[in-house]
Amino acid sequence: MSAADQHLETSALLGGGLLSERIRSHDGWGLPPEPEQPVGRLPGADVSLGPATQIEIEAGHVQFLVPFAGSWPNEYWMRAFRQAHLTWPTHLVEPLVDEGRGLHFGPLPAAMLEEHVRALKDRVESANRIYADEIEPELRRQRDEALRREQEEIRLQAEVESKLKHLLG
């Protein structure tokens, strides 16, 4: 194995570069910068579906798995998805959540495939709306309240320490 091959292996193992190079490229603390989120949006607000996988057809019925595009939605979005089940047409087979993998459909009549997929897309859009309109504002309020309490604790601690230093030296 050449030195170049060994360097490529080391780079791959360390995420694309030597550790010392990665540390220098960041803020000096050795930690990667926080991924930037769109202002005012929490992760998980715009979930979308990936292409169908594990497609099986038997006797005119089809079953398949639809993964989520990107990473798995957060627990709050999944709550919105469950709430959106009210929008699911009662004559269609509802998808089952296959934790960490996606949504499992079927078996369902192949002739009704388009209707099921259209209903699934509508449900994901509905879940995105529920998340953005109801859940995300509450999460933001909770996060802001926790930050306010933390800042108040820091302020109070500084005030008490200052008084004690003044009174006791």
N, C-alpha and C. Protein backbone atom coordinates (compact mmCIF):
# COMPACT_ATOMS: atom_id res chain seq x y z
N MET A 1 0.86 -1.19 0.00
CA MET A 1 0.00 0.00 0.00
C MET A 1 0.89 1.23 0.00
N SER A 2 0.61 2.17 -0.89
CA SER A 2 1.42 3.38 -0.98
C SER A 2 0.98 4.38 0.09
N ALA A 3 1.82 5.39 0.27
CA ALA A 3 1.50 6.43 1.25
C ALA A 3 0.25 7.18 0.83
N ALA A 4 0.06 7.36 -0.49
CA ALA A 4 -1.14 8.05 -0.98
C ALA A 4 -2.40 7.26 -0.66
N ASP A 5 -2.33 5.91 -0.86
CA ASP A 5 -3.47 5.07 -0.54
C ASP A 5 -3.81 5.14 0.93
N GLN A 6 -2.77 5.14 1.77
CA GLN A 6 -2.98 5.19 3.21
C GLN A 6 -3.61 6.52 3.60
N HIS A 7 -3.17 7.62 2.96
CA HIS A 7 -3.74 8.93 3.26
C HIS A 7 -5.22 8.98 2.87
N LEU A 8 -5.56 8.40 1.70
CA LEU A 8 -6.97 8.37 1.28
C LEU A 8 -7.81 7.57 2.25
N GLU A 9 -7.28 6.43 2.73
CA GLU A 9 -8.01 5.62 3.71
C GLU A 9 -8.23 6.40 4.99
N THR A 10 -7.17 7.08 5.46
CA THR A 10 -7.27 7.87 6.69
C THR A 10 -8.28 8.99 6.51
N SER A 11 -8.24 9.65 5.34
CA SER A 11 -9.19 10.74 5.08
C SER A 11 -10.62 10.23 5.11
N ALA A 12 -10.84 9.07 4.51
CA ALA A 12 -12.20 8.52 4.48
C ALA A 12 -12.67 8.16 5.88
N LEU A 13 -11.77 7.62 6.69
CA LEU A 13 -12.15 7.24 8.04
C LEU A 13 -12.45 8.45 8.91
N LEU A 14 -11.79 9.55 8.66
CA LEU A 14 -11.97 10.74 9.49
C LEU A 14 -12.94 11.74 8.88
N GLY A 15 -13.69 11.32 7.91
CA GLY A 15 -14.72 12.19 7.36
C GLY A 15 -14.20 13.16 6.32
N GLY A 16 -13.17 12.79 5.60
CA GLY A 16 -12.74 13.63 4.49
C GLY A 16 -11.49 14.43 4.76
N GLY A 17 -10.80 14.22 5.83
CA GLY A 17 -9.56 14.94 6.09
C GLY A 17 -8.96 14.51 7.40
N LEU A 18 -7.69 14.87 7.57
CA LEU A 18 -7.04 14.55 8.83
C LEU A 18 -7.70 15.32 9.96
N LEU A 19 -7.65 14.76 11.13
CA LEU A 19 -8.28 15.40 12.28
C LEU A 19 -7.72 16.80 12.48
N SER A 20 -6.41 16.96 12.38
CA SER A 20 -5.81 18.28 12.59
C SER A 20 -6.33 19.28 11.56
N GLU A 21 -6.53 18.83 10.30
CA GLU A 21 -7.07 19.71 9.27
C GLU A 21 -8.51 20.08 9.58
N ARG A 22 -9.29 19.11 10.06
CA ARG A 22 -10.70 19.37 10.38
C ARG A 22 -10.81 20.33 11.54
N ILE A 23 -9.93 20.18 12.55
CA ILE A 23 -9.98 21.08 13.71
C ILE A 23 -9.66 22.50 13.28
N ARG A 24 -8.61 22.66 12.45
CA ARG A 24 -8.22 23.99 12.00
C ARG A 24 -9.30 24.65 11.15
N SER A 25 -10.08 23.84 10.46
CA SER A 25 -11.08 24.41 9.56
C SER A 25 -12.32 24.91 10.29
N HIS A 26 -12.44 24.59 11.56
CA HIS A 26 -13.63 25.01 12.31
C HIS A 26 -13.30 26.18 13.23
N ASP A 27 -14.11 26.38 14.22
CA ASP A 27 -14.01 27.57 15.05
C ASP A 27 -12.91 27.50 16.12
N GLY A 28 -12.01 26.55 16.04
CA GLY A 28 -10.93 26.48 17.01
C GLY A 28 -11.23 25.54 18.16
N TRP A 29 -12.45 25.12 18.31
CA TRP A 29 -12.81 24.22 19.41
C TRP A 29 -12.84 22.77 18.96
N GLY A 30 -12.65 22.53 17.69
CA GLY A 30 -12.66 21.17 17.18
C GLY A 30 -14.05 20.62 16.90
N LEU A 31 -15.03 21.47 17.02
CA LEU A 31 -16.41 21.03 16.77
C LEU A 31 -16.87 21.61 15.45
N PRO A 32 -17.58 20.83 14.65
CA PRO A 32 -18.09 21.39 13.40
C PRO A 32 -19.13 22.46 13.70
N PRO A 33 -19.26 23.42 12.81
CA PRO A 33 -20.27 24.46 13.04
C PRO A 33 -21.66 23.85 12.99
N GLU A 34 -22.58 24.47 13.71
CA GLU A 34 -23.97 24.02 13.71
C GLU A 34 -24.55 24.18 12.31
N PRO A 35 -25.30 23.19 11.83
CA PRO A 35 -25.92 23.37 10.52
C PRO A 35 -26.90 24.52 10.58
N GLU A 36 -26.91 25.33 9.54
CA GLU A 36 -27.80 26.49 9.52
C GLU A 36 -29.22 26.04 9.22
N GLN A 37 -30.17 26.52 10.00
CA GLN A 37 -31.58 26.25 9.79
C GLN A 37 -32.20 27.53 9.25
N PRO A 38 -33.16 27.41 8.37
CA PRO A 38 -33.85 28.63 7.93
C PRO A 38 -34.41 29.35 9.15
N VAL A 39 -34.32 30.66 9.11
CA VAL A 39 -34.77 31.46 10.24
C VAL A 39 -36.23 31.17 10.54
N GLY A 40 -36.53 30.88 11.79
CA GLY A 40 -37.90 30.66 12.23
C GLY A 40 -38.45 29.28 11.95
N ARG A 41 -37.67 28.37 11.39
CA ARG A 41 -38.16 27.02 11.08
C ARG A 41 -37.36 26.00 11.87
N LEU A 42 -38.04 25.05 12.44
CA LEU A 42 -37.38 23.95 13.13
C LEU A 42 -37.17 22.81 12.17
N PRO A 43 -36.17 21.94 12.44
CA PRO A 43 -35.97 20.79 11.56
C PRO A 43 -37.23 19.94 11.50
N GLY A 44 -37.58 19.47 10.33
CA GLY A 44 -38.73 18.59 10.18
C GLY A 44 -39.97 19.27 9.65
N ALA A 45 -39.86 20.54 9.28
CA ALA A 45 -41.06 21.26 8.86
C ALA A 45 -41.50 20.92 7.44
N ASP A 46 -40.59 20.49 6.60
CA ASP A 46 -40.93 20.22 5.20
C ASP A 46 -40.49 18.81 4.82
N VAL A 47 -41.23 17.83 5.27
CA VAL A 47 -40.92 16.43 5.00
C VAL A 47 -41.45 16.07 3.62
N SER A 48 -40.69 15.26 2.90
CA SER A 48 -41.15 14.78 1.60
C SER A 48 -40.85 13.29 1.47
N LEU A 49 -41.45 12.69 0.47
CA LEU A 49 -41.33 11.25 0.26
C LEU A 49 -40.26 10.92 -0.77
N GLY A 50 -39.62 9.79 -0.56
CA GLY A 50 -38.65 9.29 -1.53
C GLY A 50 -39.33 8.33 -2.49
N PRO A 51 -38.55 7.74 -3.40
CA PRO A 51 -39.13 6.78 -4.36
C PRO A 51 -39.48 5.46 -3.68
N ALA A 52 -40.49 4.79 -4.20
CA ALA A 52 -40.94 3.50 -3.65
C ALA A 52 -39.85 2.45 -3.80
N THR A 53 -39.74 1.58 -2.80
CA THR A 53 -38.78 0.48 -2.83
C THR A 53 -39.49 -0.80 -2.42
N GLN A 54 -38.81 -1.90 -2.51
CA GLN A 54 -39.32 -3.21 -2.09
C GLN A 54 -40.71 -3.49 -2.66
N ILE A 55 -40.85 -3.25 -3.95
CA ILE A 55 -42.14 -3.41 -4.64
C ILE A 55 -42.39 -4.90 -4.91
N GLU A 56 -43.53 -5.38 -4.45
CA GLU A 56 -43.92 -6.77 -4.67
C GLU A 56 -45.33 -6.79 -5.26
N ILE A 57 -45.50 -7.59 -6.32
CA ILE A 57 -46.81 -7.72 -6.97
C ILE A 57 -47.18 -9.19 -6.97
N GLU A 58 -48.40 -9.45 -6.49
CA GLU A 58 -48.87 -10.83 -6.45
C GLU A 58 -50.39 -10.84 -6.62
N ALA A 59 -50.86 -11.58 -7.58
CA ALA A 59 -52.29 -11.77 -7.84
C ALA A 59 -53.05 -10.45 -7.93
N GLY A 60 -52.47 -9.48 -8.65
CA GLY A 60 -53.16 -8.20 -8.85
C GLY A 60 -53.09 -7.26 -7.67
N HIS A 61 -52.35 -7.62 -6.63
CA HIS A 61 -52.17 -6.76 -5.47
C HIS A 61 -50.71 -6.36 -5.38
N VAL A 62 -50.48 -5.17 -4.90
CA VAL A 62 -49.12 -4.64 -4.79
C VAL A 62 -48.85 -4.22 -3.35
N GLN A 63 -47.60 -4.38 -2.94
CA GLN A 63 -47.17 -3.81 -1.66
C GLN A 63 -45.78 -3.22 -1.88
N PHE A 64 -45.48 -2.16 -1.13
CA PHE A 64 -44.21 -1.46 -1.32
C PHE A 64 -43.92 -0.61 -0.10
N LEU A 65 -42.68 -0.12 -0.04
CA LEU A 65 -42.22 0.75 1.03
C LEU A 65 -41.91 2.11 0.44
N VAL A 66 -42.37 3.16 1.08
CA VAL A 66 -42.06 4.53 0.65
C VAL A 66 -41.24 5.17 1.76
N PRO A 67 -39.92 5.33 1.53
CA PRO A 67 -39.09 5.99 2.54
C PRO A 67 -39.30 7.50 2.50
N PHE A 68 -38.92 8.17 3.56
CA PHE A 68 -38.94 9.63 3.57
C PHE A 68 -37.66 10.11 2.90
N ALA A 69 -37.76 11.16 2.11
CA ALA A 69 -36.57 11.74 1.49
C ALA A 69 -35.72 12.37 2.58
N GLY A 70 -34.44 12.18 2.50
CA GLY A 70 -33.55 12.72 3.53
C GLY A 70 -33.59 11.87 4.77
N SER A 71 -33.53 12.52 5.92
CA SER A 71 -33.50 11.78 7.18
C SER A 71 -34.92 11.51 7.69
N TRP A 72 -35.01 10.66 8.68
CA TRP A 72 -36.29 10.30 9.28
C TRP A 72 -36.91 11.54 9.93
N PRO A 73 -38.21 11.77 9.74
CA PRO A 73 -38.85 12.94 10.36
C PRO A 73 -38.77 12.89 11.88
N ASN A 74 -38.76 14.07 12.49
CA ASN A 74 -38.69 14.10 13.95
C ASN A 74 -40.00 13.64 14.57
N GLU A 75 -39.98 13.40 15.87
CA GLU A 75 -41.15 12.85 16.57
C GLU A 75 -42.36 13.79 16.50
N TYR A 76 -42.11 15.08 16.42
CA TYR A 76 -43.22 16.04 16.37
C TYR A 76 -43.91 16.00 15.01
N TRP A 77 -43.11 15.84 13.95
CA TRP A 77 -43.72 15.70 12.63
C TRP A 77 -44.51 14.40 12.56
N MET A 78 -43.99 13.33 13.15
CA MET A 78 -44.71 12.06 13.14
C MET A 78 -46.04 12.21 13.89
N ARG A 79 -46.06 13.02 14.92
CA ARG A 79 -47.32 13.29 15.62
C ARG A 79 -48.31 13.98 14.68
N ALA A 80 -47.81 14.93 13.90
CA ALA A 80 -48.66 15.62 12.92
C ALA A 80 -49.15 14.64 11.86
N PHE A 81 -48.30 13.70 11.46
CA PHE A 81 -48.69 12.70 10.46
C PHE A 81 -49.82 11.83 11.01
N ARG A 82 -49.72 11.46 12.28
CA ARG A 82 -50.79 10.65 12.89
C ARG A 82 -52.08 11.47 12.99
N GLN A 83 -51.96 12.76 13.31
CA GLN A 83 -53.15 13.61 13.38
C GLN A 83 -53.80 13.75 12.01
N ALA A 84 -53.00 13.71 10.97
CA ALA A 84 -53.51 13.90 9.61
C ALA A 84 -54.25 12.67 9.10
N HIS A 85 -54.32 11.62 9.90
CA HIS A 85 -55.02 10.40 9.45
C HIS A 85 -56.50 10.67 9.19
N LEU A 86 -57.02 11.74 9.75
CA LEU A 86 -58.42 12.10 9.52
C LEU A 86 -58.66 12.46 8.05
N THR A 87 -57.58 12.86 7.35
CA THR A 87 -57.73 13.22 5.94
C THR A 87 -57.66 12.00 5.04
N TRP A 88 -57.37 10.83 5.60
CA TRP A 88 -57.22 9.62 4.80
C TRP A 88 -58.59 9.09 4.37
N PRO A 89 -58.79 8.85 3.09
CA PRO A 89 -60.08 8.31 2.62
C PRO A 89 -60.33 6.92 3.24
N THR A 90 -61.53 6.71 3.73
CA THR A 90 -61.84 5.47 4.45
C THR A 90 -61.85 4.24 3.56
N HIS A 91 -62.04 4.40 2.26
CA HIS A 91 -62.08 3.24 1.36
C HIS A 91 -60.68 2.78 0.92
N LEU A 92 -59.63 3.48 1.35
CA LEU A 92 -58.27 3.12 0.97
C LEU A 92 -57.53 2.44 2.14
N VAL A 93 -56.55 1.62 1.79
CA VAL A 93 -55.72 0.94 2.79
C VAL A 93 -54.71 1.94 3.32
N GLU A 94 -54.73 2.19 4.64
CA GLU A 94 -53.81 3.15 5.23
C GLU A 94 -52.40 2.58 5.30
N PRO A 95 -51.38 3.43 5.11
CA PRO A 95 -50.01 2.93 5.22
C PRO A 95 -49.65 2.66 6.68
N LEU A 96 -48.72 1.73 6.87
CA LEU A 96 -48.21 1.45 8.20
C LEU A 96 -46.84 2.09 8.33
N VAL A 97 -46.56 2.70 9.47
CA VAL A 97 -45.26 3.30 9.70
C VAL A 97 -44.29 2.18 10.05
N ASP A 98 -43.25 2.05 9.26
CA ASP A 98 -42.18 1.08 9.50
C ASP A 98 -41.02 1.90 10.07
N GLU A 99 -40.95 1.98 11.38
CA GLU A 99 -40.04 2.87 12.11
C GLU A 99 -38.62 2.85 11.55
N GLY A 100 -38.14 4.03 11.17
CA GLY A 100 -36.79 4.18 10.66
C GLY A 100 -36.63 3.83 9.19
N ARG A 101 -37.66 3.25 8.59
CA ARG A 101 -37.54 2.83 7.19
C ARG A 101 -38.46 3.61 6.27
N GLY A 102 -39.70 3.81 6.67
CA GLY A 102 -40.65 4.52 5.82
C GLY A 102 -42.07 4.08 6.07
N LEU A 103 -42.89 4.21 5.05
CA LEU A 103 -44.31 3.87 5.13
C LEU A 103 -44.55 2.64 4.26
N HIS A 104 -45.15 1.63 4.86
CA HIS A 104 -45.39 0.37 4.15
C HIS A 104 -46.83 0.35 3.68
N PHE A 105 -47.01 0.08 2.40
CA PHE A 105 -48.33 -0.03 1.80
C PHE A 105 -48.60 -1.45 1.38
N GLY A 106 -49.82 -1.86 1.56
CA GLY A 106 -50.29 -3.09 0.94
C GLY A 106 -50.45 -4.25 1.88
N PRO A 107 -50.92 -5.30 1.31
CA PRO A 107 -51.28 -5.39 -0.11
C PRO A 107 -52.54 -4.58 -0.43
N LEU A 108 -52.52 -3.98 -1.60
CA LEU A 108 -53.66 -3.21 -2.07
C LEU A 108 -53.85 -3.49 -3.56
N PRO A 109 -55.07 -3.34 -4.06
CA PRO A 109 -55.32 -3.61 -5.47
C PRO A 109 -54.47 -2.70 -6.35
N ALA A 110 -53.77 -3.30 -7.31
CA ALA A 110 -52.90 -2.53 -8.19
C ALA A 110 -53.68 -1.45 -8.94
N ALA A 111 -54.94 -1.69 -9.23
CA ALA A 111 -55.77 -0.71 -9.94
C ALA A 111 -55.98 0.56 -9.11
N MET A 112 -55.80 0.50 -7.79
CA MET A 112 -56.03 1.65 -6.92
C MET A 112 -54.72 2.31 -6.49
N LEU A 113 -53.64 1.95 -7.14
CA LEU A 113 -52.31 2.46 -6.78
C LEU A 113 -52.24 3.98 -6.83
N GLU A 114 -52.69 4.58 -7.94
CA GLU A 114 -52.62 6.04 -8.08
C GLU A 114 -53.39 6.75 -6.98
N GLU A 115 -54.57 6.24 -6.67
CA GLU A 115 -55.40 6.87 -5.64
C GLU A 115 -54.71 6.81 -4.28
N HIS A 116 -54.06 5.68 -3.97
CA HIS A 116 -53.34 5.54 -2.70
C HIS A 116 -52.15 6.50 -2.63
N VAL A 117 -51.40 6.58 -3.71
CA VAL A 117 -50.23 7.47 -3.72
C VAL A 117 -50.66 8.92 -3.61
N ARG A 118 -51.71 9.30 -4.33
CA ARG A 118 -52.22 10.67 -4.24
C ARG A 118 -52.68 10.97 -2.80
N ALA A 119 -53.36 10.02 -2.16
CA ALA A 119 -53.82 10.22 -0.78
C ALA A 119 -52.62 10.33 0.16
N LEU A 120 -51.57 9.56 -0.10
CA LEU A 120 -50.37 9.63 0.74
C LEU A 120 -49.71 11.00 0.62
N LYS A 121 -49.57 11.49 -0.61
CA LYS A 121 -48.98 12.82 -0.80
C LYS A 121 -49.81 13.89 -0.10
N ASP A 122 -51.13 13.78 -0.19
CA ASP A 122 -52.01 14.74 0.49
C ASP A 122 -51.82 14.67 2.00
N ARG A 123 -51.66 13.45 2.52
CA ARG A 123 -51.49 13.29 3.97
C ARG A 123 -50.16 13.89 4.43
N VAL A 124 -49.12 13.71 3.65
CA VAL A 124 -47.82 14.31 4.00
C VAL A 124 -47.92 15.82 3.96
N GLU A 125 -48.59 16.37 2.93
CA GLU A 125 -48.80 17.82 2.87
C GLU A 125 -49.60 18.30 4.07
N SER A 126 -50.62 17.56 4.44
CA SER A 126 -51.44 17.90 5.60
C SER A 126 -50.61 17.86 6.88
N ALA A 127 -49.77 16.84 7.02
CA ALA A 127 -48.90 16.74 8.20
C ALA A 127 -47.92 17.91 8.23
N ASN A 128 -47.38 18.30 7.08
CA ASN A 128 -46.49 19.46 7.03
C ASN A 128 -47.21 20.72 7.48
N ARG A 129 -48.47 20.88 7.05
CA ARG A 129 -49.27 22.05 7.46
C ARG A 129 -49.54 22.02 8.96
N ILE A 130 -49.95 20.87 9.49
CA ILE A 130 -50.21 20.75 10.93
C ILE A 130 -48.95 21.07 11.71
N TYR A 131 -47.84 20.53 11.27
CA TYR A 131 -46.56 20.78 11.95
C TYR A 131 -46.23 22.28 11.93
N ALA A 132 -46.32 22.89 10.74
CA ALA A 132 -45.94 24.30 10.60
C ALA A 132 -46.91 25.24 11.31
N ASP A 133 -48.21 24.92 11.28
CA ASP A 133 -49.21 25.84 11.83
C ASP A 133 -49.51 25.63 13.31
N GLU A 134 -49.36 24.40 13.80
CA GLU A 134 -49.75 24.11 15.18
C GLU A 134 -48.58 23.70 16.07
N ILE A 135 -47.81 22.74 15.60
CA ILE A 135 -46.77 22.16 16.47
C ILE A 135 -45.53 23.05 16.53
N GLU A 136 -45.04 23.51 15.38
CA GLU A 136 -43.83 24.32 15.36
C GLU A 136 -43.95 25.60 16.20
N PRO A 137 -45.06 26.34 16.12
CA PRO A 137 -45.17 27.54 16.97
C PRO A 137 -45.13 27.20 18.46
N GLU A 138 -45.73 26.09 18.86
CA GLU A 138 -45.69 25.69 20.27
C GLU A 138 -44.27 25.30 20.68
N LEU A 139 -43.58 24.58 19.82
CA LEU A 139 -42.18 24.22 20.12
C LEU A 139 -41.31 25.48 20.23
N ARG A 140 -41.53 26.42 19.33
CA ARG A 140 -40.77 27.68 19.38
C ARG A 140 -41.06 28.42 20.68
N ARG A 141 -42.35 28.46 21.08
CA ARG A 141 -42.71 29.14 22.33
C ARG A 141 -42.03 28.46 23.51
N GLN A 142 -42.04 27.13 23.55
CA GLN A 142 -41.39 26.39 24.63
C GLN A 142 -39.89 26.64 24.66
N ARG A 143 -39.28 26.65 23.47
CA ARG A 143 -37.83 26.89 23.38
C ARG A 143 -37.51 28.31 23.85
N ASP A 144 -38.30 29.30 23.44
CA ASP A 144 -38.07 30.68 23.86
C ASP A 144 -38.25 30.84 25.36
N GLU A 145 -39.26 30.16 25.92
CA GLU A 145 -39.50 30.22 27.36
C GLU A 145 -38.34 29.59 28.14
N ALA A 146 -37.84 28.46 27.67
CA ALA A 146 -36.70 27.81 28.32
C ALA A 146 -35.46 28.70 28.26
N LEU A 147 -35.25 29.35 27.13
CA LEU A 147 -34.12 30.27 26.99
C LEU A 147 -34.27 31.46 27.93
N ARG A 148 -35.49 31.99 28.02
CA ARG A 148 -35.74 33.12 28.93
C ARG A 148 -35.45 32.72 30.37
N ARG A 149 -35.92 31.51 30.79
CA ARG A 149 -35.66 31.04 32.16
C ARG A 149 -34.17 30.86 32.40
N GLU A 150 -33.47 30.31 31.42
CA GLU A 150 -32.03 30.10 31.56
C GLU A 150 -31.29 31.43 31.70
N GLN A 151 -31.67 32.42 30.88
CA GLN A 151 -31.04 33.74 30.97
C GLN A 151 -31.34 34.40 32.31
N GLU A 152 -32.55 34.21 32.81
CA GLU A 152 -32.91 34.77 34.12
C GLU A 152 -32.08 34.12 35.22
N GLU A 153 -31.87 32.81 35.14
CA GLU A 153 -31.03 32.12 36.14
C GLU A 153 -29.60 32.63 36.09
N ILE A 154 -29.06 32.83 34.90
CA ILE A 154 -27.70 33.35 34.76
C ILE A 154 -27.61 34.75 35.33
N ARG A 155 -28.60 35.59 35.03
CA ARG A 155 -28.62 36.95 35.55
C ARG A 155 -28.69 36.96 37.06
N LEU A 156 -29.57 36.11 37.63
CA LEU A 156 -29.72 36.05 39.08
C LEU A 156 -28.43 35.54 39.74
N GLN A 157 -27.80 34.54 39.15
CA GLN A 157 -26.56 34.01 39.69
C GLN A 157 -25.48 35.09 39.71
N ALA A 158 -25.36 35.85 38.63
CA ALA A 158 -24.36 36.91 38.55
C ALA A 158 -24.65 37.99 39.60
N GLU A 159 -25.93 38.32 39.76
CA GLU A 159 -26.32 39.33 40.74
C GLU A 159 -25.99 38.88 42.16
N VAL A 160 -26.31 37.64 42.49
CA VAL A 160 -26.04 37.10 43.82
C VAL A 160 -24.54 37.05 44.08
N GLU A 161 -23.77 36.57 43.11
CA GLU A 161 -22.31 36.50 43.26
C GLU A 161 -21.72 37.89 43.46
N SER A 162 -22.23 38.86 42.72
CA SER A 162 -21.76 40.24 42.85
C SER A 162 -22.06 40.79 44.23
N LYS A 163 -23.28 40.58 44.74
CA LYS A 163 -23.64 41.04 46.07
C LYS A 163 -22.79 40.38 47.15
N LEU A 164 -22.61 39.07 47.02
CA LEU A 164 -21.80 38.33 48.01
C LEU A 164 -20.36 38.83 47.98
N LYS A 165 -19.82 39.09 46.79
CA LYS A 165 -18.45 39.57 46.69
C LYS A 165 -18.35 40.96 47.34
N HIS A 166 -19.36 41.79 47.10
CA HIS A 166 -19.36 43.14 47.69
C HIS A 166 -19.51 43.07 49.22
N LEU A 167 -20.39 42.18 49.70
CA LEU A 167 -20.63 42.08 51.14
C LEU A 167 -19.54 41.36 51.89
N LEU A 168 -18.94 40.33 51.27
CA LEU A 168 -17.98 39.49 51.98
C LEU A 168 -16.54 39.67 51.46
N GLY A 169 -16.40 40.39 50.42
CA GLY A 169 -15.06 40.64 49.92
C GLY A 169 -14.50 39.66 48.97
